[in-house]
Amino acid sequence: MSVIAEIQVEGDFVLSELLAELPDVPIQLERVIPAGERTVPLIWIHTDEPEPVEQRLREHRLIESITQLDVFEDRALYRIEWAEEPDSIFTEIQSQRADLLDAVGIGSTWTFELRFPSHEALSEFHAHCKEAGLPLSLNRTYRPSSAESPTRYGLTDIQYDTLLVALEEGYFTVPREITSKELGTQLGVSDQAVTERIRRGTTNILSHILVSPEDD
């Protein structure tokens, strides 16, 4: 049975380094895909002026190339090719077949929510990251069966809590009674993190309601 783990990475971590170089531009990990012997992260850069940020990332010592995949008014999605594999955490996410459910960076701290196919896969992931010297801590684990009742529609705890607070505080009313920034302050995360959690959570809900098992 699969298991969901909330993992915190602090300090000496490549995504923290990117955040440190761009302190006013939130960066959020969308997902990680395999590419031969390396892994390729897809990241959201939250800014209405992506070109200067993109140029700074192109000059980063660990980045070989960066490709814009999508762009909106307030954010852009990029694919990053590393000059060298910087952290084994990306490799381990792939090798243990873990699904990235959420990844939020605040300051030098990143919190990941990952779904592993088994407790053994989680244990191997944790052991390999520790062996590689990554400053990683395991906050908590839980079984999807305890968090995904029929009324949860595949939502993770973080997505469920964010959507519930957003609903109760009037985020979905017209006009809105609370902004994403105010929600972020209440939840202790950035407004971009709130927006992405709502987006991911809404996608899960719609997928469970609108897509039948025969459609998968």
Protein backbone atom coordinates (compact mmCIF):
# COMPACT_ATOMS: atom_id res chain seq x y z
CA MET A 1 0.00 0.00 0.00
CA SER A 2 1.24 3.48 -0.82
CA VAL A 3 2.25 6.00 1.82
CA ILE A 4 2.37 9.79 1.78
CA ALA A 5 5.28 11.55 3.47
CA GLU A 6 5.80 15.19 4.36
CA ILE A 7 9.53 15.89 4.10
CA GLN A 8 11.43 19.06 4.95
CA VAL A 9 14.75 20.04 3.39
CA GLU A 10 16.71 22.96 4.83
CA GLY A 11 19.84 24.90 3.98
CA ASP A 12 22.27 23.32 1.53
CA PHE A 13 19.85 22.42 -1.26
CA VAL A 14 19.87 23.57 -4.88
CA LEU A 15 16.31 24.94 -4.84
CA SER A 16 17.12 26.90 -1.69
CA GLU A 17 20.14 28.31 -3.53
CA LEU A 18 17.92 29.45 -6.39
CA LEU A 19 15.55 31.11 -3.93
CA ALA A 20 18.47 32.85 -2.20
CA GLU A 21 19.62 34.34 -5.50
CA LEU A 22 16.08 35.46 -6.33
CA PRO A 23 14.71 36.52 -2.91
CA ASP A 24 11.78 38.50 -4.34
CA VAL A 25 10.72 35.87 -6.89
CA PRO A 26 8.96 32.77 -5.49
CA ILE A 27 9.92 29.51 -7.18
CA GLN A 28 7.77 26.40 -6.93
CA LEU A 29 8.54 22.87 -8.04
CA GLU A 30 5.85 21.47 -10.35
CA ARG A 31 7.25 17.99 -10.94
CA VAL A 32 10.41 16.05 -11.76
CA ILE A 33 10.83 13.95 -14.90
CA PRO A 34 13.59 11.49 -15.84
CA ALA A 35 16.00 12.31 -18.68
CA GLY A 36 18.52 9.53 -19.21
CA GLU A 37 20.89 9.43 -16.27
CA ARG A 38 19.68 12.79 -14.97
CA THR A 39 16.45 14.28 -13.71
CA VAL A 40 14.73 17.37 -15.07
CA PRO A 41 12.66 19.59 -12.77
CA LEU A 42 9.78 21.71 -14.01
CA ILE A 43 9.51 24.90 -11.98
CA TRP A 44 7.06 27.79 -11.76
CA ILE A 45 8.61 31.24 -11.52
CA HIS A 46 6.06 33.65 -10.07
CA THR A 47 6.66 37.05 -11.66
CA ASP A 48 5.07 39.28 -14.29
CA GLU A 49 8.54 39.95 -15.76
CA PRO A 50 10.10 36.51 -16.36
CA GLU A 51 12.82 37.57 -18.82
CA PRO A 52 15.30 39.06 -16.27
CA VAL A 53 14.77 36.09 -13.95
CA GLU A 54 15.23 33.66 -16.83
CA GLN A 55 18.53 35.34 -17.76
CA ARG A 56 19.83 35.09 -14.19
CA LEU A 57 18.97 31.41 -14.09
CA ARG A 58 20.75 30.82 -17.40
CA GLU A 59 23.91 32.16 -15.78
CA HIS A 60 23.60 29.91 -12.72
CA ARG A 61 26.57 27.57 -12.27
CA LEU A 62 24.38 24.44 -12.02
CA ILE A 63 22.05 25.19 -14.95
CA GLU A 64 23.04 24.16 -18.46
CA SER A 65 19.84 25.31 -20.17
CA ILE A 66 16.38 26.56 -19.29
CA THR A 67 13.33 26.35 -21.55
CA GLN A 68 10.07 28.23 -21.13
CA LEU A 69 7.13 25.82 -21.47
CA ASP A 70 4.20 28.05 -20.59
CA VAL A 71 3.58 31.62 -19.54
CA PHE A 72 0.72 33.48 -17.86
CA GLU A 73 0.32 37.03 -16.57
CA ASP A 74 1.87 36.32 -13.19
CA ARG A 75 3.96 33.17 -13.66
CA ALA A 76 5.90 31.08 -16.15
CA LEU A 77 6.73 27.37 -16.28
CA TYR A 78 10.29 26.30 -17.10
CA ARG A 79 12.17 23.08 -17.77
CA ILE A 80 15.67 23.03 -16.29
CA GLU A 81 18.60 21.00 -17.61
CA TRP A 82 21.35 20.68 -15.00
CA ALA A 83 25.01 21.12 -15.91
CA GLU A 84 25.55 18.35 -13.37
CA GLU A 85 23.15 16.48 -11.12
CA PRO A 86 23.12 18.75 -8.02
CA ASP A 87 21.14 16.79 -5.43
CA SER A 88 20.34 13.10 -5.21
CA ILE A 89 16.83 13.94 -3.97
CA PHE A 90 15.63 14.34 -7.57
CA THR A 91 17.17 11.03 -8.60
CA GLU A 92 15.69 9.32 -5.57
CA ILE A 93 12.21 10.69 -6.24
CA GLN A 94 12.39 9.01 -9.64
CA SER A 95 14.13 5.80 -8.61
CA GLN A 96 11.58 5.15 -5.85
CA ARG A 97 8.70 5.99 -8.23
CA ALA A 98 7.40 8.67 -5.87
CA ASP A 99 4.73 11.13 -6.98
CA LEU A 100 5.25 14.80 -6.19
CA LEU A 101 2.04 16.09 -4.59
CA ASP A 102 3.27 19.43 -3.29
CA ALA A 103 6.53 21.37 -2.98
CA VAL A 104 6.66 24.75 -1.28
CA GLY A 105 9.76 26.85 -0.62
CA ILE A 106 9.88 29.43 2.14
CA GLY A 107 13.24 31.10 2.75
CA SER A 108 15.84 28.33 2.85
CA THR A 109 13.27 25.66 3.77
CA TRP A 110 11.44 23.43 1.30
CA THR A 111 8.54 21.19 2.29
CA PHE A 112 7.73 18.26 0.00
CA GLU A 113 4.65 16.07 0.05
CA LEU A 114 5.48 12.82 -1.75
CA ARG A 115 3.47 9.65 -2.38
CA PHE A 116 5.59 6.47 -2.27
CA PRO A 117 4.39 3.09 -3.56
CA SER A 118 5.36 1.45 -0.24
CA HIS A 119 6.94 2.09 3.16
CA GLU A 120 10.03 0.27 1.90
CA ALA A 121 10.40 2.78 -0.95
CA LEU A 122 10.10 5.65 1.54
CA SER A 123 12.72 4.08 3.81
CA GLU A 124 15.15 3.65 0.89
CA PHE A 125 14.56 7.24 -0.24
CA HIS A 126 15.21 8.56 3.28
CA ALA A 127 18.34 6.43 3.74
CA HIS A 128 19.88 7.42 0.40
CA CYS A 129 19.24 11.13 0.96
CA LYS A 130 20.80 10.94 4.42
CA GLU A 131 23.79 9.08 3.00
CA ALA A 132 24.19 11.83 0.40
CA GLY A 133 24.31 14.42 3.19
CA LEU A 134 21.06 16.18 2.34
CA PRO A 135 19.63 18.13 5.33
CA LEU A 136 16.37 16.22 5.26
CA SER A 137 13.85 15.54 8.00
CA LEU A 138 10.69 13.45 7.89
CA ASN A 139 7.83 15.43 9.43
CA ARG A 140 5.08 12.83 9.20
CA THR A 141 3.64 9.98 7.15
CA TYR A 142 0.10 8.73 6.57
CA ARG A 143 -1.75 6.19 4.48
CA PRO A 144 -3.84 7.53 1.58
CA SER A 145 -6.73 5.35 2.75
CA SER A 146 -6.99 7.43 5.93
CA ALA A 147 -6.92 10.72 4.02
CA GLU A 148 -8.83 9.87 0.84
CA SER A 149 -12.35 8.97 1.89
CA PRO A 150 -15.08 9.48 -0.77
CA THR A 151 -15.49 13.06 0.45
CA ARG A 152 -11.80 13.87 -0.02
CA TYR A 153 -11.61 13.28 -3.79
CA GLY A 154 -7.91 12.43 -3.78
CA LEU A 155 -6.89 15.59 -1.92
CA THR A 156 -3.77 15.54 0.21
CA ASP A 157 -3.99 16.91 3.73
CA ILE A 158 -2.30 20.15 2.68
CA GLN A 159 -4.63 20.64 -0.30
CA TYR A 160 -7.70 19.77 1.77
CA ASP A 161 -6.80 22.19 4.56
CA THR A 162 -5.99 24.99 2.11
CA LEU A 163 -9.23 24.58 0.17
CA LEU A 164 -11.27 24.33 3.38
CA VAL A 165 -9.81 27.54 4.82
CA ALA A 166 -10.21 29.28 1.45
CA LEU A 167 -13.88 28.26 1.32
CA GLU A 168 -14.60 29.26 4.91
CA GLU A 169 -12.86 32.62 4.54
CA GLY A 170 -14.71 33.56 1.36
CA TYR A 171 -11.96 33.11 -1.25
CA PHE A 172 -14.47 31.67 -3.74
CA THR A 173 -17.22 34.23 -3.22
CA VAL A 174 -17.91 37.08 -5.66
CA PRO A 175 -16.49 39.49 -4.79
CA ARG A 176 -13.76 37.71 -2.84
CA GLU A 177 -13.70 38.29 0.90
CA ILE A 178 -10.03 37.32 1.26
CA THR A 179 -7.02 37.43 -1.08
CA SER A 180 -4.49 34.68 -1.71
CA LYS A 181 -1.89 36.82 0.07
CA GLU A 182 -4.10 37.06 3.17
CA LEU A 183 -4.74 33.31 3.00
CA GLY A 184 -0.99 32.74 2.76
CA THR A 185 -0.40 34.84 5.88
CA GLN A 186 -3.05 32.86 7.73
CA LEU A 187 -1.59 29.51 6.60
CA GLY A 188 2.04 30.54 6.99
CA VAL A 189 2.97 30.20 3.30
CA SER A 190 3.35 32.50 0.30
CA ASP A 191 0.34 33.60 -1.75
CA GLN A 192 1.87 31.74 -4.71
CA ALA A 193 1.92 28.54 -2.65
CA VAL A 194 -1.76 29.06 -1.81
CA THR A 195 -2.60 29.58 -5.48
CA GLU A 196 -0.75 26.41 -6.53
CA ARG A 197 -2.33 24.31 -3.76
CA ILE A 198 -5.78 25.49 -4.79
CA ARG A 199 -4.96 24.71 -8.43
CA ARG A 200 -3.65 21.22 -7.66
CA GLY A 201 -6.50 20.50 -5.26
CA THR A 202 -9.14 21.69 -7.72
CA THR A 203 -7.58 19.49 -10.41
CA ASN A 204 -7.82 16.47 -8.10
CA ILE A 205 -11.46 17.19 -7.28
CA LEU A 206 -12.46 17.67 -10.93
CA SER A 207 -10.53 14.55 -11.98
CA HIS A 208 -12.37 12.44 -9.38
CA ILE A 209 -15.79 13.89 -10.24
CA LEU A 210 -15.60 14.28 -14.02
CA VAL A 211 -13.34 11.37 -15.05
CA SER A 212 -14.80 7.90 -14.55
CA PRO A 213 -12.58 4.82 -14.06
CA GLU A 214 -13.40 3.78 -17.65
CA ASP A 215 -11.94 7.06 -18.92
CA ASP A 216 -8.51 6.49 -17.30
